[in-house]
């Protein structure tokens, strides 16, 4: 089920907590809520933040399974090189969401990646 409408971060955390999804996914989604609009984080950065530094691919799996997108912003998670990575709704949709947040993508990479990167 995909959730729509506006809600506070606390409300999204409550919905995540009530989800039947695996605890690992829930942990990832809660961390993604901390990435501000106009910023991106990396799969590896999130993996480190949750204490699983080798779990970049698993972070991607959690993003792909995110039923709360785009409110839980998996579109703000990119590769360590600044490449877009994947998106459950298609890369063009991910780029469109990033563009709405004034993030420029050129040739599949975030422009000015170092300044847009959000560090936890």
N, C-alpha and C. Protein backbone atom coordinates (compact mmCIF):
# COMPACT_ATOMS: atom_id res chain seq x y z
N UNK A 1 0.84 -1.17 0.00
CA UNK A 1 0.00 0.00 0.00
C UNK A 1 0.89 1.24 0.00
N UNK A 2 0.59 2.21 -0.83
CA UNK A 2 1.31 3.48 -0.87
C UNK A 2 0.46 4.50 -0.12
N UNK A 3 1.11 5.27 0.74
CA UNK A 3 0.41 6.24 1.57
C UNK A 3 0.53 7.62 0.96
N UNK A 4 -0.54 8.37 0.97
CA UNK A 4 -0.55 9.70 0.37
C UNK A 4 -0.97 10.72 1.43
N UNK A 5 -0.87 11.99 1.09
CA UNK A 5 -1.26 13.05 1.99
C UNK A 5 -0.08 13.58 2.77
N UNK A 6 -0.28 14.70 3.43
CA UNK A 6 0.77 15.33 4.21
C UNK A 6 0.70 14.81 5.64
N UNK A 7 1.84 14.66 6.25
CA UNK A 7 1.88 14.22 7.64
C UNK A 7 3.21 14.68 8.24
N UNK A 8 3.24 14.77 9.54
CA UNK A 8 4.47 15.16 10.22
C UNK A 8 5.44 13.98 10.25
N UNK A 9 6.70 14.29 10.54
CA UNK A 9 7.69 13.22 10.66
C UNK A 9 7.26 12.21 11.71
N UNK A 10 6.74 12.69 12.83
CA UNK A 10 6.29 11.78 13.90
C UNK A 10 5.18 10.86 13.39
N UNK A 11 4.31 11.40 12.57
CA UNK A 11 3.23 10.59 12.01
C UNK A 11 3.78 9.50 11.09
N UNK A 12 4.80 9.86 10.27
CA UNK A 12 5.41 8.86 9.39
C UNK A 12 6.14 7.80 10.20
N UNK A 13 6.81 8.21 11.27
CA UNK A 13 7.49 7.24 12.13
C UNK A 13 6.47 6.28 12.72
N UNK A 14 5.32 6.80 13.15
CA UNK A 14 4.27 5.93 13.69
C UNK A 14 3.78 4.94 12.63
N UNK A 15 3.60 5.41 11.41
CA UNK A 15 3.16 4.51 10.33
C UNK A 15 4.22 3.46 10.02
N UNK A 16 5.49 3.88 10.04
CA UNK A 16 6.58 2.92 9.83
C UNK A 16 6.56 1.87 10.93
N UNK A 17 6.42 2.31 12.16
CA UNK A 17 6.41 1.37 13.29
C UNK A 17 5.28 0.36 13.19
N UNK A 18 4.15 0.77 12.63
CA UNK A 18 3.00 -0.12 12.51
C UNK A 18 3.08 -1.03 11.28
N UNK A 19 4.02 -0.76 10.42
CA UNK A 19 4.17 -1.54 9.20
C UNK A 19 4.59 -2.98 9.52
N UNK A 20 4.12 -3.95 8.74
CA UNK A 20 4.53 -5.34 8.94
C UNK A 20 5.91 -5.64 8.33
N UNK A 21 6.61 -4.62 7.87
CA UNK A 21 7.89 -4.80 7.20
C UNK A 21 8.99 -5.22 8.18
N UNK A 22 10.08 -5.78 7.66
CA UNK A 22 11.19 -6.20 8.52
C UNK A 22 11.78 -5.04 9.32
N UNK A 23 12.25 -5.30 10.54
CA UNK A 23 12.84 -4.25 11.38
C UNK A 23 13.99 -3.50 10.70
N UNK A 24 14.79 -4.21 9.90
CA UNK A 24 15.90 -3.55 9.20
C UNK A 24 15.35 -2.46 8.27
N UNK A 25 14.33 -2.78 7.51
CA UNK A 25 13.73 -1.81 6.58
C UNK A 25 13.20 -0.60 7.36
N UNK A 26 12.52 -0.87 8.47
CA UNK A 26 11.96 0.21 9.28
C UNK A 26 13.06 1.16 9.77
N UNK A 27 14.18 0.59 10.18
CA UNK A 27 15.31 1.40 10.64
C UNK A 27 15.82 2.30 9.51
N UNK A 28 15.94 1.74 8.31
CA UNK A 28 16.40 2.50 7.15
C UNK A 28 15.42 3.62 6.83
N UNK A 29 14.14 3.33 6.80
CA UNK A 29 13.14 4.34 6.45
C UNK A 29 13.14 5.49 7.46
N UNK A 30 13.32 5.19 8.74
CA UNK A 30 13.37 6.25 9.75
C UNK A 30 14.58 7.15 9.54
N UNK A 31 15.70 6.58 9.16
CA UNK A 31 16.89 7.39 8.87
C UNK A 31 16.65 8.27 7.64
N UNK A 32 16.00 7.73 6.62
CA UNK A 32 15.74 8.51 5.41
C UNK A 32 14.89 9.75 5.71
N UNK A 33 14.04 9.69 6.72
CA UNK A 33 13.23 10.85 7.09
C UNK A 33 14.09 12.03 7.52
N UNK A 34 15.33 11.79 7.89
CA UNK A 34 16.23 12.84 8.37
C UNK A 34 16.94 13.58 7.23
N UNK A 35 16.85 13.06 6.02
CA UNK A 35 17.50 13.72 4.88
C UNK A 35 16.63 14.90 4.46
N UNK A 36 17.16 16.13 4.58
CA UNK A 36 16.33 17.30 4.25
C UNK A 36 16.07 17.46 2.76
N UNK A 37 15.00 18.16 2.44
CA UNK A 37 14.72 18.51 1.04
C UNK A 37 15.92 19.27 0.50
N UNK A 38 16.25 18.99 -0.76
CA UNK A 38 17.36 19.68 -1.40
C UNK A 38 18.71 19.06 -1.10
N UNK A 39 18.72 17.96 -0.37
CA UNK A 39 19.95 17.24 -0.04
C UNK A 39 19.78 15.78 -0.43
N UNK A 40 20.90 15.07 -0.54
CA UNK A 40 20.88 13.63 -0.79
C UNK A 40 21.84 12.97 0.19
N UNK A 41 21.63 11.69 0.39
CA UNK A 41 22.57 10.86 1.14
C UNK A 41 22.90 9.67 0.24
N UNK A 42 23.81 8.85 0.69
CA UNK A 42 24.21 7.68 -0.09
C UNK A 42 23.75 6.39 0.59
N UNK A 43 23.68 5.34 -0.22
CA UNK A 43 23.35 4.02 0.33
C UNK A 43 24.35 3.66 1.43
N UNK A 44 25.63 3.91 1.16
CA UNK A 44 26.68 3.62 2.13
C UNK A 44 26.60 4.49 3.37
N UNK A 45 26.24 5.76 3.18
CA UNK A 45 26.10 6.67 4.33
C UNK A 45 25.00 6.22 5.27
N UNK A 46 23.91 5.77 4.70
CA UNK A 46 22.81 5.27 5.53
C UNK A 46 23.23 3.96 6.21
N UNK A 47 23.94 3.11 5.48
CA UNK A 47 24.42 1.86 6.06
C UNK A 47 25.29 2.14 7.29
N UNK A 48 26.19 3.09 7.16
CA UNK A 48 27.05 3.46 8.30
C UNK A 48 26.21 4.02 9.45
N UNK A 49 25.25 4.86 9.11
CA UNK A 49 24.42 5.51 10.14
C UNK A 49 23.65 4.49 10.98
N UNK A 50 23.22 3.41 10.37
CA UNK A 50 22.45 2.42 11.13
C UNK A 50 23.35 1.35 11.75
N UNK A 51 24.67 1.51 11.59
CA UNK A 51 25.60 0.56 12.21
C UNK A 51 25.87 -0.69 11.40
N UNK A 52 25.57 -0.66 10.12
CA UNK A 52 25.81 -1.80 9.23
C UNK A 52 26.59 -1.31 8.01
N UNK A 53 27.87 -0.93 8.18
CA UNK A 53 28.61 -0.26 7.11
C UNK A 53 28.78 -1.05 5.82
N UNK A 54 28.57 -2.35 5.86
CA UNK A 54 28.71 -3.16 4.65
C UNK A 54 27.37 -3.46 3.98
N UNK A 55 26.32 -2.79 4.41
CA UNK A 55 24.96 -3.13 3.97
C UNK A 55 24.40 -2.21 2.89
N UNK A 56 25.25 -1.62 2.06
CA UNK A 56 24.76 -0.69 1.03
C UNK A 56 23.69 -1.32 0.14
N UNK A 57 23.91 -2.55 -0.29
CA UNK A 57 22.92 -3.21 -1.16
C UNK A 57 21.60 -3.45 -0.42
N UNK A 58 21.70 -3.78 0.84
CA UNK A 58 20.49 -3.99 1.65
C UNK A 58 19.73 -2.67 1.83
N UNK A 59 20.46 -1.55 1.89
CA UNK A 59 19.81 -0.24 1.95
C UNK A 59 19.02 -0.03 0.67
N UNK A 60 19.62 -0.38 -0.47
CA UNK A 60 18.91 -0.28 -1.75
C UNK A 60 17.65 -1.13 -1.77
N UNK A 61 17.72 -2.31 -1.19
CA UNK A 61 16.53 -3.19 -1.11
C UNK A 61 15.44 -2.55 -0.25
N UNK A 62 15.86 -1.93 0.86
CA UNK A 62 14.89 -1.25 1.73
C UNK A 62 14.24 -0.08 0.99
N UNK A 63 15.05 0.65 0.24
CA UNK A 63 14.50 1.76 -0.56
C UNK A 63 13.48 1.23 -1.56
N UNK A 64 13.81 0.16 -2.23
CA UNK A 64 12.93 -0.43 -3.24
C UNK A 64 11.61 -0.91 -2.63
N UNK A 65 11.64 -1.33 -1.38
CA UNK A 65 10.45 -1.85 -0.72
C UNK A 65 9.66 -0.78 0.04
N UNK A 66 10.11 0.46 -0.01
CA UNK A 66 9.52 1.55 0.76
C UNK A 66 8.07 1.83 0.33
N UNK A 67 7.08 1.50 1.18
CA UNK A 67 5.69 1.73 0.82
C UNK A 67 5.23 3.16 1.09
N UNK A 68 6.11 3.98 1.66
CA UNK A 68 5.75 5.33 2.07
C UNK A 68 6.32 6.40 1.14
N UNK A 69 6.93 5.98 0.03
CA UNK A 69 7.52 6.93 -0.92
C UNK A 69 6.42 7.78 -1.55
N UNK A 70 6.68 9.03 -1.84
CA UNK A 70 7.93 9.77 -1.64
C UNK A 70 8.04 10.47 -0.30
N UNK A 71 7.05 10.26 0.59
CA UNK A 71 7.08 10.95 1.89
C UNK A 71 8.23 10.50 2.76
N UNK A 72 8.55 9.24 2.71
CA UNK A 72 9.80 8.73 3.28
C UNK A 72 10.74 8.71 2.07
N UNK A 73 11.66 9.68 2.00
CA UNK A 73 12.30 10.05 0.73
C UNK A 73 13.44 9.17 0.23
N UNK A 74 13.10 7.99 -0.23
CA UNK A 74 14.13 7.13 -0.81
C UNK A 74 14.70 7.73 -2.10
N UNK A 75 13.97 8.67 -2.71
CA UNK A 75 14.49 9.33 -3.91
C UNK A 75 15.71 10.19 -3.59
N UNK A 76 15.95 10.48 -2.32
CA UNK A 76 17.12 11.27 -1.91
C UNK A 76 18.34 10.41 -1.61
N UNK A 77 18.25 9.13 -1.90
CA UNK A 77 19.37 8.21 -1.64
C UNK A 77 20.00 7.86 -2.99
N UNK A 78 21.32 8.10 -3.09
CA UNK A 78 22.05 7.92 -4.34
C UNK A 78 23.34 7.14 -4.08
N UNK A 79 24.05 6.83 -5.14
CA UNK A 79 25.31 6.09 -4.99
C UNK A 79 26.43 7.02 -4.49
N UNK A 80 27.48 6.44 -3.99
CA UNK A 80 28.60 7.20 -3.43
C UNK A 80 29.30 8.07 -4.46
N UNK A 81 29.16 7.74 -5.73
CA UNK A 81 29.77 8.53 -6.80
C UNK A 81 28.91 9.71 -7.22
N UNK A 82 27.71 9.81 -6.65
CA UNK A 82 26.77 10.84 -7.06
C UNK A 82 25.83 10.38 -8.16
N UNK A 83 25.98 9.13 -8.57
CA UNK A 83 25.07 8.55 -9.56
C UNK A 83 23.69 8.37 -8.95
N UNK A 84 22.69 8.43 -9.79
CA UNK A 84 21.30 8.38 -9.34
C UNK A 84 20.94 7.07 -8.64
N UNK A 85 21.44 5.96 -9.09
CA UNK A 85 21.02 4.67 -8.52
C UNK A 85 19.65 4.32 -9.07
N UNK A 86 18.99 3.40 -8.44
CA UNK A 86 17.69 2.95 -8.91
C UNK A 86 16.55 3.64 -8.19
N UNK A 87 15.33 3.30 -8.62
CA UNK A 87 14.12 3.82 -7.98
C UNK A 87 12.97 2.91 -8.38
N UNK A 88 12.17 2.52 -7.41
CA UNK A 88 11.08 1.58 -7.66
C UNK A 88 10.10 2.08 -8.72
N UNK A 89 9.97 3.39 -8.85
CA UNK A 89 9.02 3.96 -9.81
C UNK A 89 9.70 4.43 -11.09
N UNK A 90 10.97 4.07 -11.24
CA UNK A 90 11.72 4.44 -12.43
C UNK A 90 12.65 5.62 -12.18
N UNK A 91 13.79 5.58 -12.82
CA UNK A 91 14.82 6.61 -12.63
C UNK A 91 14.30 7.98 -13.07
N UNK A 92 13.48 8.04 -14.12
CA UNK A 92 12.98 9.34 -14.57
C UNK A 92 12.10 9.99 -13.49
N UNK A 93 11.34 9.19 -12.76
CA UNK A 93 10.52 9.71 -11.65
C UNK A 93 11.42 10.20 -10.52
N UNK A 94 12.50 9.47 -10.23
CA UNK A 94 13.44 9.88 -9.20
C UNK A 94 14.06 11.23 -9.57
N UNK A 95 14.48 11.36 -10.81
CA UNK A 95 15.09 12.61 -11.27
C UNK A 95 14.07 13.76 -11.16
N UNK A 96 12.82 13.50 -11.52
CA UNK A 96 11.78 14.53 -11.43
C UNK A 96 11.56 14.98 -9.97
N UNK A 97 11.56 14.03 -9.05
CA UNK A 97 11.40 14.37 -7.64
C UNK A 97 12.59 15.19 -7.14
N UNK A 98 13.79 14.81 -7.54
CA UNK A 98 14.98 15.57 -7.15
C UNK A 98 14.94 16.97 -7.75
N UNK A 99 14.51 17.08 -8.99
CA UNK A 99 14.41 18.39 -9.65
C UNK A 99 13.44 19.31 -8.90
N UNK A 100 12.33 18.75 -8.41
CA UNK A 100 11.37 19.54 -7.62
C UNK A 100 12.02 20.12 -6.37
N UNK A 101 13.10 19.49 -5.92
CA UNK A 101 13.82 19.95 -4.73
C UNK A 101 15.06 20.76 -5.11
N UNK A 102 15.10 21.20 -6.37
CA UNK A 102 16.20 22.02 -6.91
C UNK A 102 17.53 21.28 -6.99
N UNK A 103 17.48 19.97 -7.10
CA UNK A 103 18.69 19.16 -7.28
C UNK A 103 18.81 18.88 -8.78
N UNK A 104 19.95 19.24 -9.34
CA UNK A 104 20.17 19.09 -10.77
C UNK A 104 20.87 17.76 -11.04
N UNK A 105 20.37 17.04 -12.02
CA UNK A 105 20.95 15.77 -12.44
C UNK A 105 21.37 15.93 -13.90
N UNK A 106 22.61 15.56 -14.18
CA UNK A 106 23.11 15.63 -15.55
C UNK A 106 23.86 14.34 -15.84
N UNK A 107 23.52 13.70 -16.95
CA UNK A 107 24.14 12.43 -17.34
C UNK A 107 24.10 11.39 -16.22
N UNK A 108 22.97 11.35 -15.52
CA UNK A 108 22.77 10.35 -14.48
C UNK A 108 23.49 10.61 -13.18
N UNK A 109 24.04 11.81 -13.00
CA UNK A 109 24.76 12.15 -11.76
C UNK A 109 24.25 13.46 -11.18
N UNK A 110 24.35 13.57 -9.87
CA UNK A 110 23.99 14.79 -9.17
C UNK A 110 25.05 15.85 -9.47
N UNK A 111 24.61 17.01 -9.94
CA UNK A 111 25.52 18.13 -10.17
C UNK A 111 25.82 18.77 -8.81
N UNK A 112 27.08 19.10 -8.57
CA UNK A 112 27.53 19.70 -7.31
C UNK A 112 27.27 18.75 -6.13
N UNK A 113 27.52 17.48 -6.38
CA UNK A 113 27.23 16.42 -5.41
C UNK A 113 27.82 16.69 -4.02
N UNK A 114 29.07 17.13 -3.96
CA UNK A 114 29.73 17.33 -2.67
C UNK A 114 28.99 18.33 -1.79
N UNK A 115 28.39 19.35 -2.40
CA UNK A 115 27.68 20.38 -1.63
C UNK A 115 26.23 20.00 -1.31
N UNK A 116 25.71 19.03 -2.03
CA UNK A 116 24.32 18.60 -1.81
C UNK A 116 24.27 17.38 -0.89
N UNK A 117 25.42 16.74 -0.70
CA UNK A 117 25.47 15.53 0.12
C UNK A 117 25.18 15.85 1.59
N UNK A 118 24.23 15.15 2.15
CA UNK A 118 23.87 15.30 3.57
C UNK A 118 24.62 14.26 4.37
N UNK A 119 25.38 14.70 5.34
CA UNK A 119 26.11 13.80 6.24
C UNK A 119 25.35 13.72 7.56
N UNK A 120 25.15 12.53 8.04
CA UNK A 120 24.43 12.34 9.31
C UNK A 120 25.34 12.67 10.47
